[in-house]
């Protein structure tokens, strides 16, 4: 999934983020605004969650949407 596709799903995704992590403010979500790395960092900052746990949760959500997850995207990139 490219950046534009992630941003396209952001509107749906941020609703799920607010359900999962209620401490997120609208300002947090505006600052993240479709940036996957900012999302992971903000969850870690607010909740102390491990990166792997955040990525797993996001991957599960994307799989439910029928889209490749950001974690899968990383694994598919040539090194």
N, C-alpha and C. Protein backbone atom coordinates (compact mmCIF):
# COMPACT_ATOMS: atom_id res chain seq x y z
N UNK A 1 0.84 -1.17 0.00
CA UNK A 1 0.00 0.00 0.00
C UNK A 1 0.89 1.24 0.00
N UNK A 2 0.58 2.18 -0.85
CA UNK A 2 1.38 3.39 -0.88
C UNK A 2 0.80 4.45 0.05
N UNK A 3 1.48 5.56 0.17
CA UNK A 3 1.10 6.62 1.10
C UNK A 3 -0.29 7.15 0.80
N UNK A 4 -0.63 7.32 -0.47
CA UNK A 4 -1.95 7.84 -0.83
C UNK A 4 -3.06 6.88 -0.40
N UNK A 5 -2.81 5.59 -0.55
CA UNK A 5 -3.81 4.60 -0.13
C UNK A 5 -3.99 4.62 1.38
N UNK A 6 -2.88 4.73 2.13
CA UNK A 6 -2.99 4.80 3.58
C UNK A 6 -3.78 6.03 3.99
N UNK A 7 -3.49 7.16 3.37
CA UNK A 7 -4.23 8.39 3.67
C UNK A 7 -5.70 8.22 3.32
N UNK A 8 -5.98 7.48 2.25
CA UNK A 8 -7.35 7.25 1.85
C UNK A 8 -8.13 6.44 2.88
N UNK A 9 -7.47 5.54 3.56
CA UNK A 9 -8.09 4.74 4.61
C UNK A 9 -8.07 5.44 5.96
N UNK A 10 -7.36 6.53 6.08
CA UNK A 10 -7.17 7.20 7.36
C UNK A 10 -8.50 7.59 8.00
N UNK A 11 -9.45 8.08 7.23
CA UNK A 11 -10.73 8.50 7.80
C UNK A 11 -11.39 7.34 8.53
N UNK A 12 -11.40 6.16 7.91
CA UNK A 12 -11.97 4.98 8.55
C UNK A 12 -11.11 4.53 9.72
N UNK A 13 -9.81 4.55 9.53
CA UNK A 13 -8.87 4.05 10.52
C UNK A 13 -8.91 4.87 11.81
N UNK A 14 -9.01 6.19 11.68
CA UNK A 14 -8.96 7.02 12.88
C UNK A 14 -10.17 6.80 13.78
N UNK A 15 -11.30 6.40 13.23
CA UNK A 15 -12.44 6.04 14.06
C UNK A 15 -12.12 4.83 14.92
N UNK A 16 -11.44 3.87 14.34
CA UNK A 16 -11.03 2.68 15.08
C UNK A 16 -9.96 3.02 16.12
N UNK A 17 -9.08 3.95 15.77
CA UNK A 17 -8.04 4.38 16.71
C UNK A 17 -8.69 4.98 17.96
N UNK A 18 -9.70 5.80 17.77
CA UNK A 18 -10.36 6.43 18.92
C UNK A 18 -11.08 5.39 19.78
N UNK A 19 -11.60 4.34 19.17
CA UNK A 19 -12.24 3.26 19.94
C UNK A 19 -11.20 2.49 20.74
N UNK A 20 -10.09 2.18 20.12
CA UNK A 20 -9.05 1.36 20.74
C UNK A 20 -8.28 2.14 21.81
N UNK A 21 -7.94 3.38 21.49
CA UNK A 21 -7.13 4.20 22.39
C UNK A 21 -7.86 5.51 22.63
N UNK A 22 -8.66 5.54 23.67
CA UNK A 22 -9.53 6.69 23.96
C UNK A 22 -8.82 7.96 24.36
N UNK A 23 -7.54 7.89 24.69
CA UNK A 23 -6.82 9.10 25.10
C UNK A 23 -6.42 9.97 23.91
N UNK A 24 -6.58 9.45 22.70
CA UNK A 24 -6.24 10.25 21.53
C UNK A 24 -7.19 11.42 21.40
N UNK A 25 -6.64 12.59 21.20
CA UNK A 25 -7.45 13.79 21.00
C UNK A 25 -7.60 14.04 19.50
N UNK A 26 -8.52 14.92 19.17
CA UNK A 26 -8.66 15.30 17.77
C UNK A 26 -7.37 15.95 17.27
N UNK A 27 -6.68 16.67 18.15
CA UNK A 27 -5.41 17.28 17.78
C UNK A 27 -4.37 16.21 17.44
N UNK A 28 -4.33 15.13 18.26
CA UNK A 28 -3.41 14.01 17.95
C UNK A 28 -3.69 13.49 16.55
N UNK A 29 -4.96 13.25 16.27
CA UNK A 29 -5.33 12.68 14.98
C UNK A 29 -5.01 13.63 13.83
N UNK A 30 -5.18 14.92 14.07
CA UNK A 30 -4.82 15.89 13.02
C UNK A 30 -3.32 15.88 12.77
N UNK A 31 -2.53 15.74 13.83
CA UNK A 31 -1.08 15.72 13.66
C UNK A 31 -0.61 14.46 12.94
N UNK A 32 -1.27 13.34 13.21
CA UNK A 32 -0.92 12.07 12.56
C UNK A 32 -1.34 12.11 11.10
N UNK A 33 -2.56 12.52 10.86
CA UNK A 33 -3.18 12.67 9.54
C UNK A 33 -2.64 11.74 8.46
N UNK A 34 -2.80 10.44 8.69
CA UNK A 34 -2.48 9.47 7.67
C UNK A 34 -1.02 9.04 7.60
N UNK A 35 -0.20 9.50 8.53
CA UNK A 35 1.22 9.12 8.54
C UNK A 35 1.39 7.93 9.49
N UNK A 36 1.67 6.77 8.94
CA UNK A 36 1.74 5.53 9.72
C UNK A 36 2.79 5.61 10.83
N UNK A 37 3.96 6.14 10.52
CA UNK A 37 5.02 6.23 11.52
C UNK A 37 4.62 7.15 12.67
N UNK A 38 3.96 8.25 12.35
CA UNK A 38 3.49 9.16 13.40
C UNK A 38 2.44 8.47 14.26
N UNK A 39 1.57 7.68 13.64
CA UNK A 39 0.55 6.95 14.39
C UNK A 39 1.20 6.01 15.39
N UNK A 40 2.14 5.19 14.94
CA UNK A 40 2.80 4.23 15.82
C UNK A 40 3.52 4.97 16.95
N UNK A 41 4.22 6.02 16.62
CA UNK A 41 4.95 6.79 17.62
C UNK A 41 4.03 7.40 18.66
N UNK A 42 2.89 7.91 18.21
CA UNK A 42 1.96 8.56 19.14
C UNK A 42 1.34 7.54 20.08
N UNK A 43 1.01 6.35 19.59
CA UNK A 43 0.48 5.31 20.48
C UNK A 43 1.53 4.94 21.53
N UNK A 44 2.75 4.78 21.09
CA UNK A 44 3.83 4.44 22.03
C UNK A 44 4.00 5.55 23.08
N UNK A 45 3.93 6.78 22.65
CA UNK A 45 4.10 7.92 23.54
C UNK A 45 2.97 8.01 24.57
N UNK A 46 1.74 7.85 24.12
CA UNK A 46 0.58 8.00 25.00
C UNK A 46 0.36 6.81 25.92
N UNK A 47 0.60 5.61 25.39
CA UNK A 47 0.21 4.40 26.11
C UNK A 47 1.37 3.51 26.52
N UNK A 48 2.57 3.78 26.04
CA UNK A 48 3.70 2.94 26.37
C UNK A 48 3.63 1.57 25.72
N UNK A 49 2.82 1.44 24.68
CA UNK A 49 2.71 0.16 23.98
C UNK A 49 3.99 -0.12 23.21
N UNK A 50 4.30 -1.39 23.07
CA UNK A 50 5.44 -1.78 22.26
C UNK A 50 5.08 -1.61 20.79
N UNK A 51 6.07 -1.23 20.00
CA UNK A 51 5.85 -1.00 18.57
C UNK A 51 5.23 -2.23 17.91
N UNK A 52 5.73 -3.41 18.27
CA UNK A 52 5.23 -4.64 17.66
C UNK A 52 3.73 -4.83 17.92
N UNK A 53 3.29 -4.45 19.12
CA UNK A 53 1.87 -4.60 19.45
C UNK A 53 1.01 -3.63 18.65
N UNK A 54 1.50 -2.42 18.48
CA UNK A 54 0.77 -1.41 17.71
C UNK A 54 0.69 -1.84 16.25
N UNK A 55 1.81 -2.30 15.71
CA UNK A 55 1.86 -2.74 14.31
C UNK A 55 0.93 -3.93 14.12
N UNK A 56 0.94 -4.87 15.06
CA UNK A 56 0.06 -6.04 14.96
C UNK A 56 -1.41 -5.62 14.94
N UNK A 57 -1.78 -4.68 15.81
CA UNK A 57 -3.16 -4.20 15.84
C UNK A 57 -3.54 -3.55 14.51
N UNK A 58 -2.65 -2.69 13.99
CA UNK A 58 -2.91 -2.03 12.71
C UNK A 58 -2.97 -3.05 11.57
N UNK A 59 -2.08 -4.03 11.59
CA UNK A 59 -2.08 -5.07 10.57
C UNK A 59 -3.40 -5.83 10.58
N UNK A 60 -3.87 -6.18 11.77
CA UNK A 60 -5.14 -6.89 11.88
C UNK A 60 -6.28 -6.05 11.31
N UNK A 61 -6.29 -4.78 11.61
CA UNK A 61 -7.34 -3.90 11.09
C UNK A 61 -7.29 -3.87 9.57
N UNK A 62 -6.10 -3.72 9.00
CA UNK A 62 -5.98 -3.67 7.54
C UNK A 62 -6.40 -4.98 6.90
N UNK A 63 -6.05 -6.09 7.52
CA UNK A 63 -6.48 -7.39 6.97
C UNK A 63 -8.00 -7.48 6.94
N UNK A 64 -8.64 -6.97 7.95
CA UNK A 64 -10.10 -6.99 7.98
C UNK A 64 -10.69 -6.12 6.87
N UNK A 65 -9.94 -5.14 6.42
CA UNK A 65 -10.39 -4.27 5.34
C UNK A 65 -10.07 -4.83 3.96
N UNK A 66 -9.33 -5.94 3.94
CA UNK A 66 -8.95 -6.55 2.66
C UNK A 66 -7.79 -5.84 1.99
N UNK A 67 -6.99 -5.09 2.77
CA UNK A 67 -5.86 -4.35 2.23
C UNK A 67 -4.57 -4.92 2.78
N UNK A 68 -3.47 -4.82 2.04
CA UNK A 68 -2.18 -5.21 2.61
C UNK A 68 -1.85 -4.28 3.77
N UNK A 69 -1.33 -4.81 4.82
CA UNK A 69 -1.03 -4.01 6.01
C UNK A 69 0.28 -3.25 5.83
N UNK A 70 0.46 -2.16 6.58
CA UNK A 70 1.75 -1.46 6.52
C UNK A 70 2.91 -2.39 6.87
N UNK A 71 2.73 -3.28 7.83
CA UNK A 71 3.79 -4.23 8.18
C UNK A 71 4.12 -5.16 7.03
N UNK A 72 3.12 -5.60 6.30
CA UNK A 72 3.34 -6.45 5.13
C UNK A 72 4.07 -5.65 4.06
N UNK A 73 3.73 -4.38 3.94
CA UNK A 73 4.37 -3.50 2.97
C UNK A 73 5.87 -3.44 3.24
N UNK A 74 6.23 -3.29 4.52
CA UNK A 74 7.65 -3.25 4.89
C UNK A 74 8.35 -4.55 4.50
N UNK A 75 7.71 -5.68 4.75
CA UNK A 75 8.31 -6.97 4.47
C UNK A 75 8.50 -7.19 2.97
N UNK A 76 7.66 -6.55 2.16
CA UNK A 76 7.71 -6.76 0.71
C UNK A 76 8.70 -5.84 0.02
N UNK A 77 9.19 -4.81 0.72
CA UNK A 77 10.13 -3.88 0.10
C UNK A 77 11.46 -4.55 -0.14
N UNK A 78 12.04 -4.33 -1.32
CA UNK A 78 13.38 -4.86 -1.58
C UNK A 78 14.39 -4.12 -0.71
N UNK A 79 15.36 -4.83 -0.25
CA UNK A 79 16.38 -4.23 0.64
C UNK A 79 17.66 -3.99 -0.13
